[in-house]
Amino acid sequence: MFLGHFGVAFGAKTQQPRVSLGTLFLAAQLADLVWPTLLLLGVERVSIVPHATATNAFEFVHYPFTHSLLGELVAGLLLGLVYWLVRRNAQGALLMGLLVPSHWLLDLVVHQPDLPLYPGNSPLLGFGLWNHFAITQVMEFALLGLGLWLYVRRTSPRNGVGRYGLLGLVAFLVLVHLSSLFSPPPASVAFIGWGGQLLWLVVALAYWVDRNRELTGETRPASAPSIS
């Protein structure tokens, strides 16, 4: 799952409009933002197996911290707590806490049975939708499209950055997704780890785009900060 996580983040803007899209991206994709670094450190492991599924060449060997249900619940609790301490926004903090484990629930649908419930000797779960290429893509693009539609209904561009930056952000996400589908398998695990750092750029772009959009029906001074 890739585009679907961002779709959920886009749609979450309707629940807490004052929370920046960048913050929503951070929460929904926290597991995949941290995972590449843990790969580089050797804390979590993945194997490159061509045609492991119809959708990718990854065999997820060991990722109990970033991709276990308990790990994501704890991460959501911590992120929500940090958000509340900084912003004093209880509803926004609750949304952060829910978005983080939403990643596990979406992954559960597509992954092979490799998602642990908790670190240690845990059962491994996964419904395996990745074995059905076309259905997986319909789900990915449907989630992204729905979330984007909700986001565009709730916000409007303040300037060209808000309009064309959003188009560029979505185009970049789709390009990354398609390149992962049709490119050869990665050359090494290190390549996955370093390449995965690009997700932080997506979060930064989301902050930038959202700062240049305003809530529908509202007018804010150009100098007013909108990141929350």
C-alpha atoms as a PDB file:
ATOM      1  CA  MET A   1       0.000   0.000   0.000  1.00  0.00           C
ATOM      2  CA  PHE A   2       1.359   3.415  -0.994  1.00  0.00           C
ATOM      3  CA  LEU A   3      -1.132   5.810  -2.563  1.00  0.00           C
ATOM      4  CA  GLY A   4      -3.897   4.641  -0.253  1.00  0.00           C
ATOM      5  CA  HIS A   5      -2.108   5.915   2.856  1.00  0.00           C
ATOM      6  CA  PHE A   6      -1.844   9.374   1.330  1.00  0.00           C
ATOM      7  CA  GLY A   7      -5.497   9.194   0.323  1.00  0.00           C
ATOM      8  CA  VAL A   8      -6.460   8.612   3.943  1.00  0.00           C
ATOM      9  CA  ALA A   9      -4.320  11.591   4.983  1.00  0.00           C
ATOM     10  CA  PHE A  10      -5.932  13.849   2.363  1.00  0.00           C
ATOM     11  CA  GLY A  11      -9.389  12.803   3.527  1.00  0.00           C
ATOM     12  CA  ALA A  12      -8.524  13.314   7.199  1.00  0.00           C
ATOM     13  CA  LYS A  13      -8.320  17.047   6.531  1.00  0.00           C
ATOM     14  CA  THR A  14     -12.121  17.127   6.638  1.00  0.00           C
ATOM     15  CA  GLN A  15     -12.036  15.925  10.261  1.00  0.00           C
ATOM     16  CA  GLN A  16      -9.521  18.499  11.505  1.00  0.00           C
ATOM     17  CA  PRO A  17      -9.189  21.252   8.888  1.00  0.00           C
ATOM     18  CA  ARG A  18      -6.683  23.245  10.971  1.00  0.00           C
ATOM     19  CA  VAL A  19      -4.175  20.390  10.992  1.00  0.00           C
ATOM     20  CA  SER A  20      -1.663  20.749   8.176  1.00  0.00           C
ATOM     21  CA  LEU A  21      -1.665  18.230   5.366  1.00  0.00           C
ATOM     22  CA  GLY A  22       2.022  17.676   6.093  1.00  0.00           C
ATOM     23  CA  THR A  23       1.210  16.595   9.644  1.00  0.00           C
ATOM     24  CA  LEU A  24      -1.478  14.261   8.334  1.00  0.00           C
ATOM     25  CA  PHE A  25       0.989  12.751   5.846  1.00  0.00           C
ATOM     26  CA  LEU A  26       3.505  12.320   8.661  1.00  0.00           C
ATOM     27  CA  ALA A  27       1.019  10.399  10.794  1.00  0.00           C
ATOM     28  CA  ALA A  28      -0.448   8.196   8.059  1.00  0.00           C
ATOM     29  CA  GLN A  29       2.982   7.240   6.718  1.00  0.00           C
ATOM     30  CA  LEU A  30       5.001   7.238   9.944  1.00  0.00           C
ATOM     31  CA  ALA A  31       5.705   3.506   9.668  1.00  0.00           C
ATOM     32  CA  ASP A  32       7.151   3.831   6.157  1.00  0.00           C
ATOM     33  CA  LEU A  33       9.036   7.004   7.076  1.00  0.00           C
ATOM     34  CA  VAL A  34      10.916   5.278   9.894  1.00  0.00           C
ATOM     35  CA  TRP A  35      11.270   1.847   8.261  1.00  0.00           C
ATOM     36  CA  PRO A  36      13.998   2.780   5.700  1.00  0.00           C
ATOM     37  CA  THR A  37      16.258   4.097   8.469  1.00  0.00           C
ATOM     38  CA  LEU A  38      15.794   0.935  10.515  1.00  0.00           C
ATOM     39  CA  LEU A  39      16.682  -1.052   7.391  1.00  0.00           C
ATOM     40  CA  LEU A  40      19.936   0.875   7.022  1.00  0.00           C
ATOM     41  CA  LEU A  41      20.705   0.276  10.717  1.00  0.00           C
ATOM     42  CA  GLY A  42      19.961  -3.450  10.384  1.00  0.00           C
ATOM     43  CA  VAL A  43      17.240  -3.301  13.036  1.00  0.00           C
ATOM     44  CA  GLU A  44      14.565  -4.442  10.583  1.00  0.00           C
ATOM     45  CA  ARG A  45      15.075  -6.630   7.519  1.00  0.00           C
ATOM     46  CA  VAL A  46      13.645  -7.167   4.063  1.00  0.00           C
ATOM     47  CA  SER A  47      14.681  -9.503   1.237  1.00  0.00           C
ATOM     48  CA  ILE A  48      14.498  -8.688  -2.459  1.00  0.00           C
ATOM     49  CA  VAL A  49      12.731 -11.597  -4.157  1.00  0.00           C
ATOM     50  CA  PRO A  50      11.712 -10.988  -7.802  1.00  0.00           C
ATOM     51  CA  HIS A  51       8.003 -11.680  -8.290  1.00  0.00           C
ATOM     52  CA  ALA A  52       7.447 -12.189  -4.568  1.00  0.00           C
ATOM     53  CA  THR A  53       3.942 -10.947  -5.339  1.00  0.00           C
ATOM     54  CA  ALA A  54       2.282  -9.684  -8.499  1.00  0.00           C
ATOM     55  CA  THR A  55       2.886  -6.140  -7.274  1.00  0.00           C
ATOM     56  CA  ASN A  56       6.387  -6.024  -5.789  1.00  0.00           C
ATOM     57  CA  ALA A  57       9.624  -7.884  -5.163  1.00  0.00           C
ATOM     58  CA  PHE A  58       9.750  -7.574  -1.372  1.00  0.00           C
ATOM     59  CA  GLU A  59       9.731 -10.309   1.233  1.00  0.00           C
ATOM     60  CA  PHE A  60       9.314  -8.568   4.572  1.00  0.00           C
ATOM     61  CA  VAL A  61      11.399 -10.661   6.939  1.00  0.00           C
ATOM     62  CA  HIS A  62      11.440  -8.696  10.186  1.00  0.00           C
ATOM     63  CA  TYR A  63       9.806  -5.361  10.987  1.00  0.00           C
ATOM     64  CA  PRO A  64       8.294  -5.695  14.456  1.00  0.00           C
ATOM     65  CA  PHE A  65       8.671  -2.063  15.467  1.00  0.00           C
ATOM     66  CA  THR A  66       7.407  -0.095  12.484  1.00  0.00           C
ATOM     67  CA  HIS A  67       4.833  -2.564  11.167  1.00  0.00           C
ATOM     68  CA  SER A  68       3.395  -4.417  14.128  1.00  0.00           C
ATOM     69  CA  LEU A  69      -0.056  -3.380  15.295  1.00  0.00           C
ATOM     70  CA  LEU A  70       1.217  -2.776  18.828  1.00  0.00           C
ATOM     71  CA  GLY A  71       4.184  -0.785  17.551  1.00  0.00           C
ATOM     72  CA  GLU A  72       1.940   1.476  15.501  1.00  0.00           C
ATOM     73  CA  LEU A  73      -0.530   1.926  18.348  1.00  0.00           C
ATOM     74  CA  VAL A  74       2.313   3.024  20.625  1.00  0.00           C
ATOM     75  CA  ALA A  75       3.738   5.300  17.929  1.00  0.00           C
ATOM     76  CA  GLY A  76       0.294   6.819  17.424  1.00  0.00           C
ATOM     77  CA  LEU A  77      -0.043   7.426  21.148  1.00  0.00           C
ATOM     78  CA  LEU A  78       3.353   9.132  21.279  1.00  0.00           C
ATOM     79  CA  LEU A  79       2.745  11.248  18.179  1.00  0.00           C
ATOM     80  CA  GLY A  80      -0.681  12.268  19.450  1.00  0.00           C
ATOM     81  CA  LEU A  81       0.814  13.213  22.820  1.00  0.00           C
ATOM     82  CA  VAL A  82       3.523  15.315  21.189  1.00  0.00           C
ATOM     83  CA  TYR A  83       0.957  17.030  18.995  1.00  0.00           C
ATOM     84  CA  TRP A  84      -1.227  17.832  22.006  1.00  0.00           C
ATOM     85  CA  LEU A  85       1.718  19.199  23.989  1.00  0.00           C
ATOM     86  CA  VAL A  86       2.691  21.470  21.086  1.00  0.00           C
ATOM     87  CA  ARG A  87      -0.744  22.527  19.835  1.00  0.00           C
ATOM     88  CA  ARG A  88      -3.092  21.855  22.746  1.00  0.00           C
ATOM     89  CA  ASN A  89      -5.544  20.470  20.219  1.00  0.00           C
ATOM     90  CA  ALA A  90      -7.099  17.363  21.736  1.00  0.00           C
ATOM     91  CA  GLN A  91      -9.138  16.430  18.665  1.00  0.00           C
ATOM     92  CA  GLY A  92      -6.123  16.885  16.401  1.00  0.00           C
ATOM     93  CA  ALA A  93      -4.054  14.740  18.773  1.00  0.00           C
ATOM     94  CA  LEU A  94      -6.704  12.011  18.664  1.00  0.00           C
ATOM     95  CA  LEU A  95      -6.661  12.111  14.878  1.00  0.00           C
ATOM     96  CA  MET A  96      -2.872  11.714  14.889  1.00  0.00           C
ATOM     97  CA  GLY A  97      -3.193   8.754  17.208  1.00  0.00           C
ATOM     98  CA  LEU A  98      -5.683   7.063  14.878  1.00  0.00           C
ATOM     99  CA  LEU A  99      -3.919   7.818  11.614  1.00  0.00           C
ATOM    100  CA  VAL A 100      -0.708   6.054  12.619  1.00  0.00           C
ATOM    101  CA  PRO A 101      -2.283   2.580  13.120  1.00  0.00           C
ATOM    102  CA  SER A 102      -4.534   3.140  10.094  1.00  0.00           C
ATOM    103  CA  HIS A 103      -1.343   2.316   8.189  1.00  0.00           C
ATOM    104  CA  TRP A 104      -1.352  -1.220   9.645  1.00  0.00           C
ATOM    105  CA  LEU A 105      -5.012  -1.750   8.796  1.00  0.00           C
ATOM    106  CA  LEU A 106      -4.533  -0.775   5.141  1.00  0.00           C
ATOM    107  CA  ASP A 107      -1.360  -2.853   4.901  1.00  0.00           C
ATOM    108  CA  LEU A 108      -3.264  -5.808   6.330  1.00  0.00           C
ATOM    109  CA  VAL A 109      -5.431  -5.886   3.215  1.00  0.00           C
ATOM    110  CA  VAL A 110      -2.574  -6.012   0.697  1.00  0.00           C
ATOM    111  CA  HIS A 111       0.347  -7.705   2.448  1.00  0.00           C
ATOM    112  CA  GLN A 112       1.168 -11.377   2.481  1.00  0.00           C
ATOM    113  CA  PRO A 113       0.819 -12.876   5.984  1.00  0.00           C
ATOM    114  CA  ASP A 114       3.867 -11.041   7.323  1.00  0.00           C
ATOM    115  CA  LEU A 115       2.420  -8.305   9.556  1.00  0.00           C
ATOM    116  CA  PRO A 116       2.962  -9.013  13.272  1.00  0.00           C
ATOM    117  CA  LEU A 117       0.520  -8.064  15.976  1.00  0.00           C
ATOM    118  CA  TYR A 118       3.363  -7.298  18.368  1.00  0.00           C
ATOM    119  CA  PRO A 119       7.172  -7.618  18.542  1.00  0.00           C
ATOM    120  CA  GLY A 120       8.335 -11.110  19.394  1.00  0.00           C
ATOM    121  CA  ASN A 121       6.745 -14.448  18.635  1.00  0.00           C
ATOM    122  CA  SER A 122       3.579 -13.002  17.115  1.00  0.00           C
ATOM    123  CA  PRO A 123       1.090 -14.442  14.630  1.00  0.00           C
ATOM    124  CA  LEU A 124       1.629 -12.956  11.164  1.00  0.00           C
ATOM    125  CA  LEU A 125      -1.354 -11.587   9.280  1.00  0.00           C
ATOM    126  CA  GLY A 126      -2.132 -10.358   5.787  1.00  0.00           C
ATOM    127  CA  PHE A 127      -4.910 -10.874   3.236  1.00  0.00           C
ATOM    128  CA  GLY A 128      -2.558 -10.926   0.231  1.00  0.00           C
ATOM    129  CA  LEU A 129      -4.273  -8.527  -2.161  1.00  0.00           C
ATOM    130  CA  TRP A 130      -0.841  -7.772  -3.648  1.00  0.00           C
ATOM    131  CA  ASN A 131      -1.193 -11.088  -5.488  1.00  0.00           C
ATOM    132  CA  HIS A 132      -3.967  -9.498  -7.569  1.00  0.00           C
ATOM    133  CA  PHE A 133      -2.343  -6.669  -9.507  1.00  0.00           C
ATOM    134  CA  ALA A 134      -5.397  -5.015 -11.058  1.00  0.00           C
ATOM    135  CA  ILE A 135      -7.533  -5.087  -7.910  1.00  0.00           C
ATOM    136  CA  THR A 136      -4.669  -3.631  -5.888  1.00  0.00           C
ATOM    137  CA  GLN A 137      -4.302  -0.704  -8.290  1.00  0.00           C
ATOM    138  CA  VAL A 138      -8.033  -0.006  -8.282  1.00  0.00           C
ATOM    139  CA  MET A 139      -7.926   0.153  -4.483  1.00  0.00           C
ATOM    140  CA  GLU A 140      -4.818   2.370  -4.406  1.00  0.00           C
ATOM    141  CA  PHE A 141      -6.126   4.921  -6.896  1.00  0.00           C
ATOM    142  CA  ALA A 142      -9.662   4.856  -5.472  1.00  0.00           C
ATOM    143  CA  LEU A 143      -8.401   5.715  -1.990  1.00  0.00           C
ATOM    144  CA  LEU A 144      -6.153   8.457  -3.325  1.00  0.00           C
ATOM    145  CA  GLY A 145      -8.908   9.860  -5.544  1.00  0.00           C
ATOM    146  CA  LEU A 146     -11.506   9.887  -2.775  1.00  0.00           C
ATOM    147  CA  GLY A 147      -9.163  11.501  -0.266  1.00  0.00           C
ATOM    148  CA  LEU A 148      -8.006  14.104  -2.775  1.00  0.00           C
ATOM    149  CA  TRP A 149     -11.603  14.932  -3.688  1.00  0.00           C
ATOM    150  CA  LEU A 150     -12.447  15.490  -0.016  1.00  0.00           C
ATOM    151  CA  TYR A 151      -9.348  17.650   0.448  1.00  0.00           C
ATOM    152  CA  VAL A 152     -10.123  19.819  -2.586  1.00  0.00           C
ATOM    153  CA  ARG A 153     -13.705  20.283  -1.384  1.00  0.00           C
ATOM    154  CA  ARG A 154     -12.445  21.490   2.001  1.00  0.00           C
ATOM    155  CA  THR A 155      -9.647  23.768   0.762  1.00  0.00           C
ATOM    156  CA  SER A 156      -9.026  26.187  -2.082  1.00  0.00           C
ATOM    157  CA  PRO A 157      -5.776  27.631  -3.472  1.00  0.00           C
ATOM    158  CA  ARG A 158      -4.585  31.004  -2.240  1.00  0.00           C
ATOM    159  CA  ASN A 159      -2.118  31.323  -5.112  1.00  0.00           C
ATOM    160  CA  GLY A 160      -0.359  29.384  -7.851  1.00  0.00           C
ATOM    161  CA  VAL A 161       1.618  27.317  -5.357  1.00  0.00           C
ATOM    162  CA  GLY A 162      -1.588  26.140  -3.741  1.00  0.00           C
ATOM    163  CA  ARG A 163      -3.059  25.189  -7.118  1.00  0.00           C
ATOM    164  CA  TYR A 164      -0.151  23.844  -9.141  1.00  0.00           C
ATOM    165  CA  GLY A 165       1.837  22.673  -6.149  1.00  0.00           C
ATOM    166  CA  LEU A 166      -1.002  20.313  -5.263  1.00  0.00           C
ATOM    167  CA  LEU A 167      -1.062  18.997  -8.822  1.00  0.00           C
ATOM    168  CA  GLY A 168       2.704  18.514  -8.677  1.00  0.00           C
ATOM    169  CA  LEU A 169       2.499  16.728  -5.329  1.00  0.00           C
ATOM    170  CA  VAL A 170      -0.129  14.288  -6.586  1.00  0.00           C
ATOM    171  CA  ALA A 171       1.750  13.756  -9.860  1.00  0.00           C
ATOM    172  CA  PHE A 172       4.922  12.992  -7.899  1.00  0.00           C
ATOM    173  CA  LEU A 173       3.117  10.443  -5.720  1.00  0.00           C
ATOM    174  CA  VAL A 174       1.636   8.704  -8.775  1.00  0.00           C
ATOM    175  CA  LEU A 175       5.021   8.731 -10.543  1.00  0.00           C
ATOM    176  CA  VAL A 176       6.740   7.135  -7.554  1.00  0.00           C
ATOM    177  CA  HIS A 177       4.004   4.520  -7.336  1.00  0.00           C
ATOM    178  CA  LEU A 178       4.131   3.633 -11.036  1.00  0.00           C
ATOM    179  CA  SER A 179       7.927   3.516 -11.087  1.00  0.00           C
ATOM    180  CA  SER A 180       7.863   1.033  -8.205  1.00  0.00           C
ATOM    181  CA  LEU A 181       5.486  -1.163 -10.207  1.00  0.00           C
ATOM    182  CA  PHE A 182       7.288  -1.176 -13.535  1.00  0.00           C
ATOM    183  CA  SER A 183      10.954  -0.701 -12.644  1.00  0.00           C
ATOM    184  CA  PRO A 184      13.344  -3.635 -12.085  1.00  0.00           C
ATOM    185  CA  PRO A 185      13.693  -4.841  -8.478  1.00  0.00           C
ATOM    186  CA  PRO A 186      15.956  -2.644  -6.323  1.00  0.00           C
ATOM    187  CA  ALA A 187      19.646  -3.419  -6.552  1.00  0.00           C
ATOM    188  CA  SER A 188      20.099  -3.774  -2.797  1.00  0.00           C
ATOM    189  CA  VAL A 189      18.467  -3.286   0.568  1.00  0.00           C
ATOM    190  CA  ALA A 190      20.675  -0.218   1.058  1.00  0.00           C
ATOM    191  CA  PHE A 191      19.121   1.260  -2.097  1.00  0.00           C
ATOM    192  CA  ILE A 192      15.667   0.745  -0.553  1.00  0.00           C
ATOM    193  CA  GLY A 193      16.799   2.365   2.673  1.00  0.00           C
ATOM    194  CA  TRP A 194      18.292   5.445   1.047  1.00  0.00           C
ATOM    195  CA  GLY A 195      15.557   5.751  -1.567  1.00  0.00           C
ATOM    196  CA  GLY A 196      12.916   5.551   1.128  1.00  0.00           C
ATOM    197  CA  GLN A 197      14.196   8.805   2.610  1.00  0.00           C
ATOM    198  CA  LEU A 198      12.443  10.562  -0.298  1.00  0.00           C
ATOM    199  CA  LEU A 199       9.204  10.149   1.632  1.00  0.00           C
ATOM    200  CA  TRP A 200      10.357  12.940   3.929  1.00  0.00           C
ATOM    201  CA  LEU A 201      10.419  15.191   0.878  1.00  0.00           C
ATOM    202  CA  VAL A 202       6.764  14.323   0.239  1.00  0.00           C
ATOM    203  CA  VAL A 203       5.895  15.387   3.798  1.00  0.00           C
ATOM    204  CA  ALA A 204       7.760  18.674   3.340  1.00  0.00           C
ATOM    205  CA  LEU A 205       5.962  19.312   0.036  1.00  0.00           C
ATOM    206  CA  ALA A 206       2.623  18.663   1.728  1.00  0.00           C
ATOM    207  CA  TYR A 207       3.382  21.312   4.365  1.00  0.00           C
ATOM    208  CA  TRP A 208       4.341  23.779   1.622  1.00  0.00           C
ATOM    209  CA  VAL A 209       1.268  23.106  -0.507  1.00  0.00           C
ATOM    210  CA  ASP A 210      -1.146  23.230   2.417  1.00  0.00           C
ATOM    211  CA  ARG A 211       0.319  26.527   3.607  1.00  0.00           C
ATOM    212  CA  ASN A 212      -0.677  28.001   0.263  1.00  0.00           C
ATOM    213  CA  ARG A 213      -4.262  26.800   0.430  1.00  0.00           C
ATOM    214  CA  GLU A 214      -7.074  28.044   2.650  1.00  0.00           C
ATOM    215  CA  LEU A 215     -10.153  26.494   4.146  1.00  0.00           C
ATOM    216  CA  THR A 216     -13.133  26.825   1.832  1.00  0.00           C
ATOM    217  CA  GLY A 217     -15.180  29.878   2.647  1.00  0.00           C
ATOM    218  CA  GLU A 218     -12.446  31.501   4.721  1.00  0.00           C
ATOM    219  CA  THR A 219      -9.942  34.217   3.918  1.00  0.00           C
ATOM    220  CA  ARG A 220      -6.662  34.395   5.760  1.00  0.00           C
ATOM    221  CA  PRO A 221      -3.986  37.082   5.526  1.00  0.00           C
ATOM    222  CA  ALA A 222      -1.138  35.997   3.285  1.00  0.00           C
ATOM    223  CA  SER A 223       1.310  36.247   6.160  1.00  0.00           C
ATOM    224  CA  ALA A 224      -0.699  34.105   8.541  1.00  0.00           C
ATOM    225  CA  PRO A 225       0.887  30.708   9.240  1.00  0.00           C
ATOM    226  CA  SER A 226      -1.276  27.700   8.390  1.00  0.00           C
ATOM    227  CA  ILE A 227       0.950  24.831   9.536  1.00  0.00           C
ATOM    228  CA  SER A 228      -0.378  23.161  12.628  1.00  0.00           C
END
